[in-house]
Protein backbone atom coordinates (compact mmCIF):
# COMPACT_ATOMS: atom_id res chain seq x y z
CA MET A 1 -37.97 -97.23 -5.39
CA ILE A 2 -35.99 -99.39 -2.95
CA ARG A 3 -33.47 -97.91 -0.53
CA VAL A 4 -31.24 -99.83 1.87
CA LEU A 5 -29.36 -98.85 5.00
CA TYR A 6 -27.15 -101.56 6.50
CA ARG A 7 -25.18 -101.12 9.70
CA HIS A 8 -22.55 -103.73 10.34
CA SER A 9 -21.65 -104.65 13.90
CA SER A 10 -18.35 -102.82 13.36
CA GLY A 11 -20.24 -99.55 12.78
CA THR A 12 -19.76 -99.51 9.02
CA ILE A 13 -22.75 -98.15 7.11
CA LEU A 14 -23.60 -99.45 3.63
CA THR A 15 -26.32 -98.09 1.36
CA GLU A 16 -25.82 -100.27 -1.72
CA LEU A 17 -26.69 -103.94 -1.28
CA SER A 18 -27.98 -106.47 -3.77
CA ASP A 19 -30.88 -108.77 -2.92
CA ALA A 20 -28.43 -111.62 -2.28
CA GLU A 21 -26.34 -109.45 0.03
CA ILE A 22 -29.46 -108.42 1.95
CA LYS A 23 -30.30 -112.10 2.44
CA ARG A 24 -26.80 -112.82 3.72
CA ALA A 25 -26.93 -109.80 6.04
CA LEU A 26 -30.08 -111.06 7.74
CA GLY A 27 -29.19 -112.89 10.91
CA GLU A 28 -25.69 -111.46 11.26
CA ARG A 29 -25.16 -110.89 14.97
CA GLY A 30 -25.05 -107.19 15.92
CA SER A 31 -25.84 -106.03 12.38
CA TYR A 32 -29.06 -104.33 11.42
CA ILE A 33 -30.72 -103.45 8.12
CA TRP A 34 -33.43 -100.99 7.13
CA VAL A 35 -35.14 -101.34 3.76
CA ASP A 36 -37.48 -98.61 2.57
CA LEU A 37 -39.87 -99.08 -0.38
CA GLU A 38 -41.40 -95.87 -1.72
CA ASP A 39 -44.04 -96.07 -4.45
CA ALA A 40 -42.75 -99.54 -5.28
CA THR A 41 -43.80 -101.51 -8.35
CA PRO A 42 -45.34 -105.01 -8.18
CA GLU A 43 -42.01 -106.42 -9.35
CA GLU A 44 -40.19 -104.67 -6.49
CA PHE A 45 -42.74 -106.01 -4.00
CA GLN A 46 -42.17 -109.52 -5.31
CA ARG A 47 -38.37 -109.19 -5.21
CA MET A 48 -38.07 -107.70 -1.78
CA LEU A 49 -41.07 -108.89 0.24
CA VAL A 50 -41.46 -112.39 -1.18
CA ASP A 51 -38.13 -113.48 -2.67
CA THR A 52 -35.79 -111.75 -0.21
CA PHE A 53 -37.65 -111.65 3.12
CA SER A 54 -40.24 -114.43 2.50
CA PHE A 55 -43.02 -112.57 4.26
CA HIS A 56 -46.41 -114.25 4.61
CA SER A 57 -48.70 -113.90 1.60
CA LEU A 58 -51.50 -112.38 3.71
CA ALA A 59 -49.20 -109.62 4.91
CA VAL A 60 -47.99 -108.98 1.36
CA ASP A 61 -51.62 -108.74 0.19
CA ASP A 62 -52.27 -106.12 2.88
CA VAL A 63 -49.28 -104.15 1.63
CA ILE A 64 -50.47 -104.20 -1.97
CA ASN A 65 -54.11 -103.43 -1.05
CA ASP A 66 -54.74 -100.47 1.23
CA VAL A 67 -55.91 -101.28 4.76
CA HIS A 68 -58.15 -98.53 6.09
CA SER A 69 -57.39 -99.01 9.78
CA PRO A 70 -54.11 -99.35 11.68
CA LYS A 71 -53.40 -102.84 12.95
CA LEU A 72 -50.65 -105.18 14.16
CA ASP A 73 -50.24 -108.82 13.12
CA ASN A 74 -47.82 -111.11 14.92
CA TYR A 75 -46.04 -113.61 12.65
CA GLU A 76 -43.71 -114.81 15.44
CA ARG A 77 -40.38 -114.04 13.73
CA TYR A 78 -41.59 -110.59 12.70
CA LEU A 79 -44.43 -108.13 13.24
CA PHE A 80 -46.49 -106.61 10.47
CA LEU A 81 -47.87 -103.15 11.21
CA VAL A 82 -50.30 -101.01 9.25
CA LEU A 83 -49.88 -97.40 10.30
CA HIS A 84 -51.54 -94.21 9.08
CA THR A 85 -50.18 -90.69 8.99
CA LEU A 86 -52.13 -87.45 8.80
CA GLY A 87 -51.45 -84.70 6.29
CA GLU A 88 -53.03 -81.60 4.81
CA GLY A 89 -55.69 -82.20 2.17
CA ASP A 90 -56.46 -80.33 -1.02
CA GLU A 91 -59.15 -78.12 0.52
CA PRO A 92 -59.08 -75.80 3.54
CA MET A 93 -59.79 -77.73 6.77
CA ASP A 94 -59.26 -81.05 4.98
CA ILE A 95 -57.07 -83.76 6.52
CA HIS A 96 -55.94 -86.77 4.50
CA THR A 97 -54.59 -90.04 5.81
CA TYR A 98 -51.65 -91.84 4.25
CA GLU A 99 -50.85 -95.49 4.87
CA MET A 100 -47.42 -96.70 5.89
CA ASP A 101 -46.75 -100.41 6.39
CA ALA A 102 -43.83 -101.85 8.32
CA PHE A 103 -42.28 -105.26 8.90
CA LEU A 104 -40.31 -105.36 12.14
CA GLY A 105 -37.87 -108.19 12.78
CA ALA A 106 -35.22 -108.73 15.40
CA ASP A 107 -32.49 -107.37 13.11
CA TYR A 108 -34.36 -105.60 10.30
CA LEU A 109 -37.04 -103.04 9.54
CA VAL A 110 -38.91 -102.79 6.23
CA THR A 111 -41.06 -99.71 5.64
CA ILE A 112 -43.46 -99.34 2.71
CA HIS A 113 -45.29 -96.17 1.66
CA ALA A 114 -46.66 -94.66 -1.54
CA GLU A 115 -45.81 -91.00 -0.85
CA PRO A 116 -42.59 -89.46 0.48
CA ARG A 117 -42.62 -89.43 4.28
CA PRO A 118 -40.67 -86.57 5.90
CA ALA A 119 -40.12 -88.61 9.07
CA ILE A 120 -38.27 -91.25 7.05
CA ALA A 121 -36.44 -88.78 4.82
CA ASP A 122 -35.06 -86.94 7.88
CA MET A 123 -33.63 -90.18 9.26
CA TRP A 124 -32.18 -91.46 5.99
CA LYS A 125 -28.66 -90.27 6.77
CA ALA A 126 -25.80 -92.74 7.01
CA ASP A 127 -23.88 -90.76 9.66
CA TYR A 128 -26.90 -90.70 11.97
CA HIS A 129 -26.98 -94.49 12.18
CA ARG A 130 -23.35 -94.95 13.20
CA ASP A 131 -24.01 -94.05 16.83
CA ASP A 132 -27.80 -93.75 16.91
CA GLY A 133 -30.75 -95.04 14.88
CA LEU A 134 -29.87 -98.50 13.61
CA ALA A 135 -27.04 -98.66 16.14
CA ARG A 136 -29.77 -99.10 18.76
CA GLY A 137 -31.76 -101.62 16.73
CA PRO A 138 -34.67 -101.62 14.26
CA SER A 139 -37.26 -101.24 17.03
CA TYR A 140 -35.67 -97.93 17.97
CA VAL A 141 -35.77 -96.77 14.33
CA LEU A 142 -39.48 -97.63 14.20
CA TYR A 143 -40.00 -95.65 17.42
CA LYS A 144 -38.21 -92.62 15.98
CA VAL A 145 -40.29 -92.75 12.79
CA LEU A 146 -43.53 -93.00 14.76
CA ASP A 147 -42.51 -90.22 17.14
CA ALA A 148 -41.59 -87.86 14.29
CA GLN A 149 -44.85 -88.58 12.47
CA ILE A 150 -46.93 -87.98 15.58
CA ASP A 151 -45.11 -84.71 16.30
CA SER A 152 -46.19 -83.53 12.84
CA TYR A 153 -49.86 -84.05 13.79
CA VAL A 154 -49.76 -81.33 16.46
CA PRO A 155 -49.50 -78.27 14.16
CA LEU A 156 -52.05 -79.87 11.83
CA LEU A 157 -54.66 -80.25 14.58
CA ASP A 158 -53.75 -76.87 16.08
CA HIS A 159 -54.38 -75.23 12.70
CA LEU A 160 -57.77 -76.95 12.52
CA ASP A 161 -58.58 -75.70 16.03
CA ASP A 162 -57.55 -72.12 15.21
CA ARG A 163 -59.52 -72.10 11.97
CA LEU A 164 -62.66 -73.37 13.71
CA GLU A 165 -62.38 -70.54 16.24
CA GLU A 166 -61.95 -68.04 13.37
CA LEU A 167 -65.06 -69.40 11.66
CA GLY A 168 -67.01 -69.15 14.91
CA ASP A 169 -66.00 -65.49 15.28
CA THR A 170 -66.83 -64.84 11.62
CA ILE A 171 -70.32 -66.30 12.02
CA PHE A 172 -71.11 -64.01 14.97
CA LEU A 173 -69.37 -60.83 13.80
CA GLN A 174 -70.20 -60.73 10.08
CA GLY A 175 -73.75 -62.00 10.39
CA ASP A 176 -75.62 -61.46 7.12
CA HIS A 177 -72.44 -60.66 5.19
CA ILE A 178 -70.83 -64.11 5.39
CA GLU A 179 -70.62 -66.39 2.38
CA GLU A 180 -72.92 -69.15 3.56
CA HIS A 181 -71.83 -71.80 1.05
CA THR A 182 -68.12 -71.33 1.82
CA ILE A 183 -68.60 -71.28 5.60
CA LEU A 184 -70.79 -74.38 5.66
CA ASN A 185 -68.45 -76.26 3.33
CA GLU A 186 -65.46 -75.51 5.57
CA LEU A 187 -67.36 -76.51 8.71
CA LEU A 188 -68.54 -79.81 7.25
CA THR A 189 -65.03 -80.53 5.96
CA ALA A 190 -63.60 -79.77 9.40
CA LYS A 191 -66.03 -82.12 11.11
CA SER A 192 -65.30 -84.88 8.61
CA SER A 193 -61.55 -84.37 9.05
CA ALA A 194 -61.81 -84.43 12.85
CA LEU A 195 -63.84 -87.65 12.72
CA ARG A 196 -61.30 -89.22 10.38
CA ALA A 197 -58.38 -88.15 12.55
CA GLU A 198 -60.07 -89.40 15.72
CA ARG A 199 -60.81 -92.79 14.17
CA ILE A 200 -57.25 -93.21 12.89
CA LEU A 201 -55.62 -92.01 16.11
CA LEU A 202 -57.80 -94.30 18.22
CA ARG A 203 -56.84 -97.40 16.23
CA GLN A 204 -53.20 -96.33 16.03
CA ARG A 205 -53.18 -95.82 19.78
CA GLU A 206 -54.36 -99.39 20.25
CA THR A 207 -51.70 -100.66 17.83
CA VAL A 208 -48.85 -98.82 19.56
CA GLY A 209 -50.28 -99.91 22.90
CA LEU A 210 -49.65 -103.51 21.88
CA LEU A 211 -46.00 -102.68 21.20
CA ALA A 212 -45.75 -100.99 24.60
CA ARG A 213 -47.46 -103.65 26.70
CA SER A 214 -47.10 -107.00 24.92
CA SER A 215 -44.06 -109.25 24.97
CA TYR A 216 -42.92 -109.78 21.39
CA PRO A 217 -39.60 -111.55 20.76
CA VAL A 218 -38.61 -108.96 18.13
CA VAL A 219 -39.17 -106.00 20.49
CA PRO A 220 -36.54 -105.70 23.25
CA ALA A 221 -37.97 -105.16 26.72
CA ASP A 222 -36.12 -101.87 27.13
CA MET A 223 -37.89 -100.51 24.01
CA ARG A 224 -41.37 -100.78 25.48
CA ILE A 225 -40.97 -97.59 27.46
CA TYR A 226 -40.31 -95.71 24.20
CA PHE A 227 -43.44 -97.09 22.58
CA ASN A 228 -45.34 -96.24 25.76
CA ASP A 229 -44.23 -92.61 25.28
CA VAL A 230 -45.66 -92.69 21.75
CA TYR A 231 -48.85 -94.22 23.17
CA ASP A 232 -49.21 -91.33 25.65
CA HIS A 233 -48.85 -88.81 22.80
CA LEU A 234 -51.52 -90.61 20.80
CA VAL A 235 -53.89 -90.56 23.78
CA ARG A 236 -53.58 -86.77 24.01
CA LEU A 237 -53.94 -86.29 20.26
CA ASN A 238 -56.97 -88.57 20.15
CA ASP A 239 -58.60 -86.48 22.90
CA LEU A 240 -57.76 -83.33 20.94
CA ALA A 241 -59.31 -84.77 17.77
CA GLY A 242 -62.45 -85.65 19.74
CA SER A 243 -62.62 -82.08 21.08
CA LEU A 244 -62.25 -80.73 17.54
CA ARG A 245 -65.07 -82.97 16.35
CA ASP A 246 -67.32 -81.64 19.12
CA LEU A 247 -66.26 -78.05 18.40
CA ALA A 248 -66.99 -78.47 14.69
CA GLY A 249 -70.40 -79.97 15.46
CA THR A 250 -71.24 -77.18 17.90
CA THR A 251 -70.14 -74.52 15.41
CA ILE A 252 -72.30 -76.09 12.70
CA ASP A 253 -75.31 -76.15 15.04
CA THR A 254 -74.70 -72.51 15.98
CA TYR A 255 -74.37 -71.51 12.35
CA LEU A 256 -77.60 -73.29 11.37
CA ALA A 257 -79.40 -71.71 14.34
CA LEU A 258 -78.29 -68.25 13.22
CA VAL A 259 -79.38 -68.98 9.66
CA ASN A 260 -82.78 -70.11 10.98
CA ASN A 261 -83.04 -66.94 13.06
CA ARG A 262 -82.33 -64.78 10.03
CA THR A 263 -84.93 -66.73 8.07
CA ASN A 264 -87.45 -66.25 10.88
CA ASP A 265 -86.72 -62.51 10.92
CA VAL A 266 -87.40 -62.30 7.19
CA MET A 267 -90.60 -64.33 7.51
CA ARG A 268 -91.75 -62.15 10.43
CA ILE A 269 -91.29 -58.95 8.40
CA LEU A 270 -93.10 -60.45 5.42
CA THR A 271 -95.95 -61.60 7.69
CA LEU A 272 -96.25 -58.14 9.26
CA VAL A 273 -96.35 -56.50 5.84
CA SER A 274 -99.03 -58.94 4.70
CA THR A 275 -101.04 -58.31 7.89
CA LEU A 276 -100.69 -54.56 7.40
CA PHE A 277 -102.29 -54.79 3.98
CA LEU A 278 -105.23 -56.94 5.11
CA PRO A 279 -107.55 -54.03 6.14
CA LEU A 280 -106.38 -51.96 3.18
CA THR A 281 -107.24 -54.82 0.85
CA PHE A 282 -110.63 -55.21 2.52
CA LEU A 283 -111.49 -51.52 2.08
CA THR A 284 -110.34 -51.37 -1.51
CA GLY A 285 -112.21 -54.58 -2.20
CA VAL A 286 -115.44 -53.25 -0.78
CA TYR A 287 -115.34 -49.96 -2.59
CA GLY A 288 -114.04 -51.51 -5.73
CA MET A 289 -117.25 -53.51 -6.22
CA ASN A 290 -119.31 -52.47 -9.24
CA PHE A 291 -122.66 -52.05 -7.48
CA GLU A 292 -124.90 -49.33 -8.86
CA PHE A 293 -126.21 -48.03 -5.51
CA MET A 294 -123.32 -47.24 -3.12
CA PRO A 295 -124.19 -43.97 -1.28
CA GLU A 296 -120.61 -43.22 -0.23
CA LEU A 297 -119.50 -42.96 -3.85
CA GLY A 298 -121.55 -39.81 -4.26
CA TRP A 299 -120.14 -37.98 -1.24
CA PRO A 300 -117.83 -35.07 -2.05
CA TRP A 301 -115.35 -36.09 0.69
CA ALA A 302 -115.49 -39.82 0.06
CA TYR A 303 -112.05 -40.05 -1.54
CA PRO A 304 -110.15 -38.13 1.21
CA ILE A 305 -112.07 -40.07 3.87
CA ALA A 306 -111.02 -43.36 2.23
CA TRP A 307 -107.37 -42.29 2.39
CA LEU A 308 -107.76 -41.33 6.02
CA LEU A 309 -109.17 -44.79 6.73
CA PHE A 310 -106.23 -46.37 4.94
CA ILE A 311 -103.68 -44.32 6.87
CA ALA A 312 -105.47 -44.71 10.20
CA SER A 313 -105.79 -48.49 9.91
CA ALA A 314 -102.13 -48.83 8.93
CA GLY A 315 -101.05 -46.50 11.76
CA ILE A 316 -103.12 -48.34 14.34
CA MET A 317 -101.66 -51.70 13.29
CA ILE A 318 -98.08 -50.40 13.32
CA TYR A 319 -98.68 -48.96 16.80
CA TRP A 320 -100.05 -52.30 17.95
CA PHE A 321 -97.07 -54.19 16.48
CA ARG A 322 -94.67 -51.91 18.35
CA ARG A 323 -96.60 -52.33 21.61
CA GLN A 324 -96.25 -56.10 21.20
CA LYS A 325 -92.54 -55.64 20.34
CA TRP A 326 -92.95 -57.46 17.08
CA ILE A 327 -91.07 -54.72 15.24
């Protein structure tokens, strides 16, 4: 799907332009155009990116084939940016990344994405661009899209933080009653999500940092302060993602330590029980031998005495275990 927003220098907003009209609009002084491609077909890529805007074939290839890390390529008359957004995954504690590509020129912005992006949908209003948005140039529109996307990361990472704290409390409070498979799966998913978010935010921070600090002809000098604001937000979010990664790793280590402790407790009890039966097994083994001459077998009190030996040996060992604080 291809959508177009065109703001003429007079303030008129148009949303229906043919490919030829888009070509003619490019370069008009004081006029700006925003083209958005959502889940576009190969034919739409060819029409818009190649035939209409004549973007470089390498950049078009990057649009068609997913690029797994944010980046910025300078093609002199325009910039090509690969950006990633974060969103909720299919499982609890899962974070997915979604790619959004952008071509930024002096008087146009082209955004490409496979899934609907709320940050773009909220800005796709003709009235908004009469006095704001495109009225301030395509670089400002790109800033607003980035700022809205980054603001959406905060509740996502906060939810991950809160859930990790809940899992930590669950591990300590419920002890043996927790569902080990579910807990471990959520913790591993959380750590993987935090690592993914940290990697994406780090590279995106570097990409936005180039917009904030480098002199590109298509980015007005007064726009750099806006991109620097986005950069500062990304620095804080990247630090938060790193903290979440460490928290997830620590929680996993704590959980595994508690599981090992429970296993050790079980093994200790089993060892004590086995040790308790050692003298009993010895006595029953001795008097269970089929020798013909065993004087004790003829004693009238042999059987009660044997039980007394069993009880005494078990009692002595239990007393010793308690003295050693093993039970």
